[in-house]
């Protein structure tokens, strides 16, 4: 199957931690590689940020990245890409005119919007993963800005006209149904992790204080990740230290959120127990293995790939009961879920786990088991492949009759006879 993954703002080859470079980038990279490993021809279409770079790159994961010019050179936040979606769509259309995909899988609403425009001249089955919805932003962050309202209206159209919709978390299903998507057209498929990389393994103590427990957190340094909440909770856990892993290319000295968090740590009197710094991607497994607990306290999290990676390494999790974390963390089995925006609840949950080695060890073993059972890339790729197959049109029955209108019809790549448009 020729699969086109459209990820307008999230280049799967981009270093994590940059402008809007995080979970979606990692997910698209992993999904593309896993689908390629199953024998599909996979191309990821993303915006070209560097006009001097090659227009196409073959990756070590076995898939190809096609860079589509749209907007000015250099990094661009996803909101700033919106005025350039027409150019991005034109680039998609020109590439697909040369090699039409069997199925398009658009990631985020901007990608779905561009894909819809690009396929107007010749319909292609389109699957959409929104990753996060405007309705979720309104409900969880109180975002009622005109841009978010307008985005919600566009998402409603895109969701209703998609061949299939993939939700990364169960919480999104209700939102999608309220947008008018039939429940039968929605599949819940979480993000996956590379279990050959993220798995339990022994590790040296690595510079930690012998008198302190280690708490670990990771993600882009943006306020919605809720690192401030964990820092506030740390004030009530005097025998613990907190390490926050930012993206490998993050300049902590100049990053405004890093400075805000550092100031907050001083205010709470825990500056000597908080470390914020870039961690290369290949060191993340050891980062999680070295932790006694992983802590995630966002106001909202669409899926929480870092929590899955920590669990895969056998590290129990304390997490806010929001978004995808409600699916990932089984409360009282693989970790503890706490109310959102409650430093006291975070501190209490962490304290309970730190005070009971047996409980903590059991949670860690269960976390690794759950990651293996539900979040392997092979599992995610197979589920996604089934959605693609369901999205394809049924082949026309061959009754042996001669097509007397052959001049007016053409054979689509799926084998179905479609009128020429």
Foldseek 3Di string as FASTA:
>chain_A
DEEEEEDAQEDLPDFAQPAPYWDVSVLVVLLQLLLVVVPYAYEYEYAAQDPVDDQKDQDPSGYMYGHFHWDHHHHDHPVRRQVGLQSSLVRLLVVCVVPPGQEYEYEALSRLVSVVSSCPQPDHQYEYENLDALVQCCVLVVDPDPVSVVRNVSVLVSLQPHLAYEAQAPVCLVVSVVSPHPSVRYHHFHGFDALVQQAADDDDLPPDDPQAAEEEEEHHLDPQQPVLLQLLLVLLVVRYAYEYEGTQPDDLVPDPSSVVSLVSNVVSVNNVRYHYDHDYPSCLNVVLNSHQAYETAGSAGQACPSLLSSLLRLHAYEYECHHNVVVLHDDQQLAHYDHHPDSVRSNVRVVVLVVDVVSRNRSSVRSSVVSVVRRHSNNSNVVVVVSSVSSRDDADDCPPDDDPPVVQWDADPVRHIDGND
